PDB file of N, CA and C in Angstrom:
ATOM      1  N   PRO A   1     -50.053  17.541  15.989  1.00  0.00           N
ATOM      2  CA  PRO A   1     -50.916  18.782  16.213  1.00  0.00           C
ATOM      3  C   PRO A   1     -51.609  18.690  17.576  1.00  0.00           C
ATOM      4  N   SER A   2     -51.919  19.776  18.127  1.00  0.00           N
ATOM      5  CA  SER A   2     -52.710  19.794  19.386  1.00  0.00           C
ATOM      6  C   SER A   2     -54.102  19.331  19.169  1.00  0.00           C
ATOM      7  N   GLN A   3     -54.797  19.006  20.189  1.00  0.00           N
ATOM      8  CA  GLN A   3     -56.201  18.654  20.078  1.00  0.00           C
ATOM      9  C   GLN A   3     -56.977  19.782  19.418  1.00  0.00           C
ATOM     10  N   ARG A   4     -56.659  21.010  19.844  1.00  0.00           N
ATOM     11  CA  ARG A   4     -57.362  22.152  19.290  1.00  0.00           C
ATOM     12  C   ARG A   4     -57.244  22.278  17.809  1.00  0.00           C
ATOM     13  N   GLU A   5     -56.062  22.101  17.358  1.00  0.00           N
ATOM     14  CA  GLU A   5     -55.744  22.120  15.919  1.00  0.00           C
ATOM     15  C   GLU A   5     -56.472  20.973  15.210  1.00  0.00           C
ATOM     16  N   TYR A   6     -56.468  19.827  15.865  1.00  0.00           N
ATOM     17  CA  TYR A   6     -57.049  18.603  15.277  1.00  0.00           C
ATOM     18  C   TYR A   6     -58.563  18.737  15.132  1.00  0.00           C
ATOM     19  N   TYR A   7     -59.206  19.393  16.090  1.00  0.00           N
ATOM     20  CA  TYR A   7     -60.680  19.507  16.051  1.00  0.00           C
ATOM     21  C   TYR A   7     -61.107  20.596  15.056  1.00  0.00           C
ATOM     22  N   LYS A   8     -60.179  21.323  14.575  1.00  0.00           N
ATOM     23  CA  LYS A   8     -60.605  22.379  13.587  1.00  0.00           C
ATOM     24  C   LYS A   8     -61.086  21.752  12.304  1.00  0.00           C
ATOM     25  N   THR A   9     -60.650  20.565  12.054  1.00  0.00           N
ATOM     26  CA  THR A   9     -61.041  19.929  10.677  1.00  0.00           C
ATOM     27  C   THR A   9     -62.506  19.621  10.656  1.00  0.00           C
ATOM     28  N   THR A  10     -63.083  19.618   9.522  1.00  0.00           N
ATOM     29  CA  THR A  10     -64.454  19.454   9.339  1.00  0.00           C
ATOM     30  C   THR A  10     -64.825  18.034   9.061  1.00  0.00           C
ATOM     31  N   PHE A  11     -65.750  17.479   9.871  1.00  0.00           N
ATOM     32  CA  PHE A  11     -66.225  16.092   9.574  1.00  0.00           C
ATOM     33  C   PHE A  11     -67.035  15.963   8.354  1.00  0.00           C
ATOM     34  N   VAL A  12     -66.704  14.993   7.501  1.00  0.00           N
ATOM     35  CA  VAL A  12     -67.445  14.817   6.241  1.00  0.00           C
ATOM     36  C   VAL A  12     -68.220  13.555   6.196  1.00  0.00           C
ATOM     37  N   THR A  13     -67.483  12.419   6.358  1.00  0.00           N
ATOM     38  CA  THR A  13     -68.245  11.176   6.300  1.00  0.00           C
ATOM     39  C   THR A  13     -67.404  10.095   7.028  1.00  0.00           C
ATOM     40  N   ARG A  14     -68.006   8.845   7.108  1.00  0.00           N
ATOM     41  CA  ARG A  14     -67.379   7.742   7.842  1.00  0.00           C
ATOM     42  C   ARG A  14     -67.647   6.451   7.109  1.00  0.00           C
ATOM     43  N   TRP A  15     -66.584   5.600   7.081  1.00  0.00           N
ATOM     44  CA  TRP A  15     -66.773   4.273   6.486  1.00  0.00           C
ATOM     45  C   TRP A  15     -66.404   3.198   7.513  1.00  0.00           C
ATOM     46  N   PRO A  16     -67.343   2.357   7.883  1.00  0.00           N
ATOM     47  CA  PRO A  16     -66.994   1.320   8.801  1.00  0.00           C
ATOM     48  C   PRO A  16     -65.986   0.215   8.201  1.00  0.00           C
ATOM     49  N   ILE A  17     -65.190  -0.328   9.113  1.00  0.00           N
ATOM     50  CA  ILE A  17     -64.278  -1.339   8.671  1.00  0.00           C
ATOM     51  C   ILE A  17     -64.491  -2.543   9.693  1.00  0.00           C
ATOM     52  N   THR A  18     -64.897  -3.695   9.099  1.00  0.00           N
ATOM     53  CA  THR A  18     -64.970  -4.913   9.849  1.00  0.00           C
ATOM     54  C   THR A  18     -65.936  -4.945  11.060  1.00  0.00           C
ATOM     55  N   SER A  19     -66.026  -3.812  11.707  1.00  0.00           N
ATOM     56  CA  SER A  19     -66.940  -3.767  12.840  1.00  0.00           C
ATOM     57  C   SER A  19     -67.393  -2.296  13.127  1.00  0.00           C
ATOM     58  N   ASN A  20     -68.378  -2.198  13.989  1.00  0.00           N
ATOM     59  CA  ASN A  20     -68.898  -0.812  14.273  1.00  0.00           C
ATOM     60  C   ASN A  20     -67.929  -0.102  15.139  1.00  0.00           C
ATOM     61  N   ARG A  21     -66.834  -0.703  15.583  1.00  0.00           N
ATOM     62  CA  ARG A  21     -65.877   0.005  16.447  1.00  0.00           C
ATOM     63  C   ARG A  21     -64.674   0.500  15.702  1.00  0.00           C
ATOM     64  N   THR A  22     -64.557   0.125  14.467  1.00  0.00           N
ATOM     65  CA  THR A  22     -63.382   0.564  13.676  1.00  0.00           C
ATOM     66  C   THR A  22     -63.945   1.182  12.434  1.00  0.00           C
ATOM     67  N   TYR A  23     -63.395   2.364  12.080  1.00  0.00           N
ATOM     68  CA  TYR A  23     -63.923   3.015  10.891  1.00  0.00           C
ATOM     69  C   TYR A  23     -62.929   4.117  10.462  1.00  0.00           C
ATOM     70  N   VAL A  24     -62.987   4.386   9.182  1.00  0.00           N
ATOM     71  CA  VAL A  24     -62.220   5.542   8.663  1.00  0.00           C
ATOM     72  C   VAL A  24     -63.190   6.767   8.580  1.00  0.00           C
ATOM     73  N   GLU A  25     -62.606   7.862   9.024  1.00  0.00           N
ATOM     74  CA  GLU A  25     -63.409   9.091   8.989  1.00  0.00           C
ATOM     75  C   GLU A  25     -62.610  10.080   8.050  1.00  0.00           C
ATOM     76  N   TYR A  26     -63.383  10.873   7.381  1.00  0.00           N
ATOM     77  CA  TYR A  26     -62.827  11.827   6.400  1.00  0.00           C
ATOM     78  C   TYR A  26     -63.116  13.249   6.884  1.00  0.00           C
ATOM     79  N   TYR A  27     -62.028  13.998   7.252  1.00  0.00           N
ATOM     80  CA  TYR A  27     -62.192  15.346   7.641  1.00  0.00           C
ATOM     81  C   TYR A  27     -61.525  16.324   6.717  1.00  0.00           C
ATOM     82  N   SER A  28     -62.203  16.889   5.832  1.00  0.00           N
ATOM     83  CA  SER A  28     -61.666  17.859   4.851  1.00  0.00           C
ATOM     84  C   SER A  28     -60.252  17.616   4.494  1.00  0.00           C
ATOM     85  N   PHE A  29     -60.036  16.681   3.586  1.00  0.00           N
ATOM     86  CA  PHE A  29     -58.717  16.323   3.068  1.00  0.00           C
ATOM     87  C   PHE A  29     -57.831  15.470   3.888  1.00  0.00           C
ATOM     88  N   VAL A  30     -58.395  15.008   5.002  1.00  0.00           N
ATOM     89  CA  VAL A  30     -57.502  14.130   5.878  1.00  0.00           C
ATOM     90  C   VAL A  30     -58.361  12.950   6.194  1.00  0.00           C
ATOM     91  N   TYR A  31     -57.683  11.696   6.095  1.00  0.00           N
ATOM     92  CA  TYR A  31     -58.341  10.510   6.491  1.00  0.00           C
ATOM     93  C   TYR A  31     -57.813  10.054   7.835  1.00  0.00           C
ATOM     94  N   TYR A  32     -58.695   9.513   8.731  1.00  0.00           N
ATOM     95  CA  TYR A  32     -58.236   9.015   9.959  1.00  0.00           C
ATOM     96  C   TYR A  32     -58.815   7.588  10.176  1.00  0.00           C
ATOM     97  N   LEU A  33     -57.999   6.683  10.760  1.00  0.00           N
ATOM     98  CA  LEU A  33     -58.491   5.371  11.096  1.00  0.00           C
ATOM     99  C   LEU A  33     -58.865   5.451  12.585  1.00  0.00           C
ATOM    100  N   ILE A  34     -60.105   5.202  12.937  1.00  0.00           N
ATOM    101  CA  ILE A  34     -60.571   5.387  14.252  1.00  0.00           C
ATOM    102  C   ILE A  34     -60.955   4.049  14.885  1.00  0.00           C
ATOM    103  N   ILE A  35     -60.588   3.815  16.141  1.00  0.00           N
ATOM    104  CA  ILE A  35     -61.036   2.661  16.869  1.00  0.00           C
ATOM    105  C   ILE A  35     -61.783   3.148  18.098  1.00  0.00           C
ATOM    106  N   LYS A  36     -63.052   2.635  18.211  1.00  0.00           N
ATOM    107  CA  LYS A  36     -63.869   2.982  19.440  1.00  0.00           C
ATOM    108  C   LYS A  36     -63.706   1.943  20.470  1.00  0.00           C
ATOM    109  N   TYR A  37     -63.688   2.349  21.759  1.00  0.00           N
ATOM    110  CA  TYR A  37     -63.552   1.432  22.871  1.00  0.00           C
ATOM    111  C   TYR A  37     -64.855   1.427  23.722  1.00  0.00           C
ATOM    112  N   ASP A  38     -64.971   0.384  24.552  1.00  0.00           N
ATOM    113  CA  ASP A  38     -66.201   0.307  25.329  1.00  0.00           C
ATOM    114  C   ASP A  38     -66.271   1.431  26.324  1.00  0.00           C
ATOM    115  N   ASN A  39     -65.143   1.993  26.766  1.00  0.00           N
ATOM    116  CA  ASN A  39     -65.192   3.071  27.723  1.00  0.00           C
ATOM    117  C   ASN A  39     -65.451   4.431  27.059  1.00  0.00           C
ATOM    118  N   ASP A  40     -65.886   4.392  25.784  1.00  0.00           N
ATOM    119  CA  ASP A  40     -66.249   5.543  25.021  1.00  0.00           C
ATOM    120  C   ASP A  40     -65.042   6.437  24.647  1.00  0.00           C
ATOM    121  N   SER A  41     -63.795   5.945  24.751  1.00  0.00           N
ATOM    122  CA  SER A  41     -62.706   6.603  24.311  1.00  0.00           C
ATOM    123  C   SER A  41     -62.437   6.247  22.832  1.00  0.00           C
ATOM    124  N   THR A  42     -61.693   7.119  22.150  1.00  0.00           N
ATOM    125  CA  THR A  42     -61.413   6.834  20.762  1.00  0.00           C
ATOM    126  C   THR A  42     -59.899   6.910  20.595  1.00  0.00           C
ATOM    127  N   GLN A  43     -59.363   6.222  19.603  1.00  0.00           N
ATOM    128  CA  GLN A  43     -57.904   6.232  19.311  1.00  0.00           C
ATOM    129  C   GLN A  43     -57.738   6.402  17.849  1.00  0.00           C
ATOM    130  N   VAL A  44     -56.971   7.366  17.435  1.00  0.00           N
ATOM    131  CA  VAL A  44     -56.614   7.475  16.040  1.00  0.00           C
ATOM    132  C   VAL A  44     -55.247   6.737  15.826  1.00  0.00           C
ATOM    133  N   LEU A  45     -55.321   5.723  14.963  1.00  0.00           N
ATOM    134  CA  LEU A  45     -54.145   4.954  14.721  1.00  0.00           C
ATOM    135  C   LEU A  45     -53.421   5.362  13.433  1.00  0.00           C
ATOM    136  N   TRP A  46     -54.069   5.988  12.583  1.00  0.00           N
ATOM    137  CA  TRP A  46     -53.476   6.337  11.283  1.00  0.00           C
ATOM    138  C   TRP A  46     -54.075   7.615  10.725  1.00  0.00           C
ATOM    139  N   SER A  47     -53.292   8.407  10.086  1.00  0.00           N
ATOM    140  CA  SER A  47     -53.789   9.598   9.376  1.00  0.00           C
ATOM    141  C   SER A  47     -53.033   9.752   8.110  1.00  0.00           C
ATOM    142  N   SER A  48     -53.743  10.233   7.036  1.00  0.00           N
ATOM    143  CA  SER A  48     -53.051  10.378   5.773  1.00  0.00           C
ATOM    144  C   SER A  48     -52.258  11.668   5.777  1.00  0.00           C
ATOM    145  N   LYS A  49     -52.524  12.501   6.802  1.00  0.00           N
ATOM    146  CA  LYS A  49     -51.787  13.810   6.849  1.00  0.00           C
ATOM    147  C   LYS A  49     -50.408  13.617   7.527  1.00  0.00           C
ATOM    148  N   GLN A  50     -50.305  12.743   8.513  1.00  0.00           N
ATOM    149  CA  GLN A  50     -49.081  12.487   9.147  1.00  0.00           C
ATOM    150  C   GLN A  50     -48.865  10.934   9.326  1.00  0.00           C
ATOM    151  N   SER A  51     -47.660  10.528   9.180  1.00  0.00           N
ATOM    152  CA  SER A  51     -47.408   9.049   9.221  1.00  0.00           C
ATOM    153  C   SER A  51     -47.694   8.475  10.608  1.00  0.00           C
ATOM    154  N   ILE A  52     -47.494   9.240  11.623  1.00  0.00           N
ATOM    155  CA  ILE A  52     -47.737   8.730  12.959  1.00  0.00           C
ATOM    156  C   ILE A  52     -48.572   9.761  13.696  1.00  0.00           C
ATOM    157  N   MET A  53     -49.759   9.298  14.160  1.00  0.00           N
ATOM    158  CA  MET A  53     -50.620  10.173  14.892  1.00  0.00           C
ATOM    159  C   MET A  53     -51.549   9.399  15.770  1.00  0.00           C
ATOM    160  N   ILE A  54     -51.325   9.498  17.113  1.00  0.00           N
ATOM    161  CA  ILE A  54     -52.132   8.712  18.052  1.00  0.00           C
ATOM    162  C   ILE A  54     -52.770   9.651  19.042  1.00  0.00           C
ATOM    163  N   LEU A  55     -54.069   9.640  19.107  1.00  0.00           N
ATOM    164  CA  LEU A  55     -54.785  10.568  19.941  1.00  0.00           C
ATOM    165  C   LEU A  55     -55.854   9.780  20.719  1.00  0.00           C
ATOM    166  N   ASN A  56     -55.878   9.910  22.022  1.00  0.00           N
ATOM    167  CA  ASN A  56     -56.913   9.322  22.824  1.00  0.00           C
ATOM    168  C   ASN A  56     -57.761  10.425  23.429  1.00  0.00           C
ATOM    169  N   THR A  57     -59.042  10.274  23.353  1.00  0.00           N
ATOM    170  CA  THR A  57     -59.940  11.313  23.925  1.00  0.00           C
ATOM    171  C   THR A  57     -61.281  10.690  24.217  1.00  0.00           C
ATOM    172  N   LYS A  58     -62.012  11.219  25.210  1.00  0.00           N
ATOM    173  CA  LYS A  58     -63.353  10.766  25.468  1.00  0.00           C
ATOM    174  C   LYS A  58     -64.375  11.619  24.776  1.00  0.00           C
ATOM    175  N   ASN A  59     -63.992  12.692  24.169  1.00  0.00           N
ATOM    176  CA  ASN A  59     -64.949  13.539  23.491  1.00  0.00           C
ATOM    177  C   ASN A  59     -64.438  13.822  22.048  1.00  0.00           C
ATOM    178  N   PHE A  60     -64.534  12.732  21.311  1.00  0.00           N
ATOM    179  CA  PHE A  60     -64.088  12.837  19.882  1.00  0.00           C
ATOM    180  C   PHE A  60     -65.148  13.404  18.987  1.00  0.00           C
ATOM    181  N   LYS A  61     -64.992  14.532  18.447  1.00  0.00           N
ATOM    182  CA  LYS A  61     -65.908  15.293  17.648  1.00  0.00           C
ATOM    183  C   LYS A  61     -67.288  15.639  18.258  1.00  0.00           C
TER     184      LYS A  61
END
């Protein structure tokens, strides 16, 4: 999906995993595994909606 389509989803909640830089976020029926980087970019490594989904952005949500 495009970034525009991706950002349409509604943020619901977040669960940290092992550190404050890795967490699962829930966006209305879709789970994402998020990793935060020091340069303030984010990477989506996994999504329950699609088996492969990688997105890098500096303005995540």
